[in-house]
Amino acid sequence: MHLTWTCKPFSDLTLRELHDALQLRMEVFIVEQNCPFQDIDGKDADAFHLLAYTEQGQLAACSRLFGAGQYYEQVSIGRVVVSPAFRRYGFGRELMRQSIAHCEQLFGFQSIKIGAQQYLERFYQGFGFAQRGAMYLEDGIPHIYMLRA
């Protein structure tokens, strides 16, 4: 299955793209994970949004990318999400490869920090991230900070 990748600052998103990203994030982070939290956190306007659409126009995956000092002290990747309908295609790995590549293109070769759900530690280790610090709870879900130097 072929995906079309696009990366845009918030101000360049179409209403459809914004809707699709928010809908997917709600479907996974709030409904599927049964975790009521404030997904629209006031940070979307500061982020670049990486979106992956199928040939049929469905949003399969997305993430938010931040320059150093915008979310963490380092460049960061967040709200990494793949639609449940497209998980069997390896799009999570491609989303992380694309997210890292776009961070390097946008912000140069710098450390990248993420706040990862702890159960995904091995997944992120595969992209060069290493745990930094102790586990913490975010909205009742165990998380860890990870850094890719």
Protein backbone atom coordinates (compact mmCIF):
# COMPACT_ATOMS: atom_id res chain seq x y z
CA MET A 1 0.00 0.00 0.00
CA HIS A 2 1.36 3.39 -1.00
CA LEU A 3 1.22 6.42 1.28
CA THR A 4 1.58 10.07 0.38
CA TRP A 5 3.51 11.98 3.05
CA THR A 6 3.16 15.68 3.69
CA CYS A 7 4.62 17.87 6.43
CA LYS A 8 3.15 21.30 7.12
CA PRO A 9 3.11 23.95 9.77
CA PHE A 10 -0.27 24.32 11.49
CA SER A 11 -1.10 27.48 9.52
CA ASP A 12 -0.83 25.57 6.22
CA LEU A 13 -3.09 22.65 7.19
CA THR A 14 -6.38 22.46 5.38
CA LEU A 15 -9.50 22.12 7.50
CA ARG A 16 -9.81 18.51 6.27
CA GLU A 17 -6.23 17.69 7.30
CA LEU A 18 -6.72 19.22 10.74
CA HIS A 19 -10.02 17.36 11.18
CA ASP A 20 -8.46 14.06 10.07
CA ALA A 21 -5.52 14.40 12.46
CA LEU A 22 -7.68 15.33 15.44
CA GLN A 23 -10.16 12.56 14.64
CA LEU A 24 -7.40 9.93 14.43
CA ARG A 25 -5.77 11.12 17.65
CA MET A 26 -9.13 10.99 19.44
CA GLU A 27 -9.91 7.53 18.04
CA VAL A 28 -6.65 6.08 19.36
CA PHE A 29 -5.50 8.11 22.36
CA ILE A 30 -8.89 8.74 23.94
CA VAL A 31 -11.34 6.07 22.75
CA GLU A 32 -9.14 3.01 22.04
CA GLN A 33 -6.83 3.60 25.01
CA ASN A 34 -9.79 4.57 27.20
CA CYS A 35 -7.96 7.64 28.44
CA PRO A 36 -9.92 10.87 28.68
CA PHE A 37 -7.40 13.70 28.41
CA GLN A 38 -7.05 17.10 26.77
CA ASP A 39 -5.58 16.13 23.39
CA ILE A 40 -5.96 19.63 22.00
CA ASP A 41 -3.30 21.07 24.26
CA GLY A 42 -2.54 24.43 22.67
CA LYS A 43 0.65 23.06 21.07
CA ASP A 44 -0.72 22.15 17.63
CA ALA A 45 -0.21 25.72 16.42
CA ASP A 46 3.53 25.47 17.26
CA ALA A 47 4.07 22.14 15.51
CA PHE A 48 4.77 20.84 12.08
CA HIS A 49 2.27 18.10 11.28
CA LEU A 50 3.40 15.02 9.40
CA LEU A 51 0.48 13.31 7.66
CA ALA A 52 0.35 10.06 5.68
CA TYR A 53 -2.62 9.52 3.38
CA THR A 54 -3.60 6.42 1.45
CA GLU A 55 -4.42 6.53 -2.24
CA GLN A 56 -8.09 6.49 -1.19
CA GLY A 57 -7.65 9.68 0.84
CA GLN A 58 -7.70 8.11 4.30
CA LEU A 59 -5.32 9.37 6.97
CA ALA A 60 -3.25 6.33 7.94
CA ALA A 61 -0.74 7.95 10.32
CA CYS A 62 0.43 11.27 11.71
CA SER A 63 2.76 12.92 14.21
CA ARG A 64 3.71 16.36 15.49
CA LEU A 65 7.23 17.75 15.15
CA PHE A 66 8.67 20.55 17.28
CA GLY A 67 11.85 22.57 17.08
CA ALA A 68 14.14 22.84 20.09
CA GLY A 69 12.54 24.87 22.86
CA GLN A 70 9.00 24.60 21.50
CA TYR A 71 7.95 21.57 23.54
CA TYR A 72 11.13 20.25 25.17
CA GLU A 73 14.58 21.75 25.26
CA GLN A 74 15.43 19.42 22.37
CA VAL A 75 13.74 18.84 19.03
CA SER A 76 10.79 16.54 19.69
CA ILE A 77 8.29 14.20 18.09
CA GLY A 78 4.87 13.63 19.61
CA ARG A 79 1.32 12.41 19.07
CA VAL A 80 2.74 9.50 17.04
CA VAL A 81 -0.29 7.55 15.86
CA VAL A 82 -1.27 4.98 13.25
CA SER A 83 -4.90 4.25 12.42
CA PRO A 84 -6.04 0.84 13.71
CA ALA A 85 -7.20 0.06 10.15
CA PHE A 86 -3.61 0.33 8.86
CA ARG A 87 -1.43 -1.15 11.62
CA ARG A 88 -0.65 -4.41 9.89
CA TYR A 89 1.32 -2.67 7.12
CA GLY A 90 4.33 -1.50 9.17
CA PHE A 91 3.29 2.15 8.95
CA GLY A 92 4.38 2.78 12.56
CA ARG A 93 7.99 2.17 11.59
CA GLU A 94 7.65 4.25 8.45
CA LEU A 95 6.01 7.05 10.46
CA MET A 96 9.00 7.14 12.82
CA ARG A 97 11.51 7.05 9.93
CA GLN A 98 9.66 9.90 8.24
CA SER A 99 9.30 11.85 11.51
CA ILE A 100 13.04 11.64 12.21
CA ALA A 101 13.94 12.53 8.62
CA HIS A 102 11.61 15.54 8.64
CA CYS A 103 13.00 16.72 12.00
CA GLU A 104 16.51 16.58 10.53
CA GLN A 105 15.37 18.41 7.41
CA LEU A 106 13.51 21.10 9.35
CA PHE A 107 15.75 21.56 12.38
CA GLY A 108 19.12 20.05 11.44
CA PHE A 109 20.88 17.12 13.05
CA GLN A 110 20.09 17.51 16.74
CA SER A 111 19.03 15.35 19.64
CA ILE A 112 15.37 14.36 19.53
CA LYS A 113 13.34 13.83 22.72
CA ILE A 114 10.09 11.94 23.06
CA GLY A 115 7.73 11.14 25.91
CA ALA A 116 6.93 7.53 25.02
CA GLN A 117 4.39 5.12 26.41
CA GLN A 118 6.58 2.73 28.36
CA TYR A 119 5.35 -0.42 26.61
CA LEU A 120 6.74 0.98 23.32
CA GLU A 121 10.31 1.34 24.64
CA ARG A 122 11.73 -1.43 22.41
CA PHE A 123 9.98 -0.02 19.37
CA TYR A 124 11.63 3.38 19.87
CA GLN A 125 14.98 1.82 20.74
CA GLY A 126 14.97 0.49 17.18
CA PHE A 127 15.28 4.11 16.00
CA GLY A 128 18.17 4.96 18.31
CA PHE A 129 16.18 6.31 21.26
CA ALA A 130 17.34 5.48 24.80
CA GLN A 131 15.47 5.92 28.07
CA ARG A 132 16.39 9.01 30.07
CA GLY A 133 15.00 9.19 33.58
CA ALA A 134 12.44 7.25 35.55
CA MET A 135 8.98 6.13 34.52
CA TYR A 136 6.26 8.72 35.05
CA LEU A 137 2.49 8.61 34.78
CA GLU A 138 0.79 10.78 32.19
CA ASP A 139 -2.99 10.58 32.26
CA GLY A 140 -2.68 7.30 34.17
CA ILE A 141 -0.45 5.66 31.51
CA PRO A 142 3.22 4.77 32.26
CA HIS A 143 5.56 6.87 30.13
CA ILE A 144 9.30 7.34 29.84
CA TYR A 145 11.41 10.09 28.35
CA MET A 146 13.64 8.89 25.56
CA LEU A 147 16.44 10.68 23.73
CA ARG A 148 17.99 10.07 20.33
CA ALA A 149 21.41 11.70 20.38
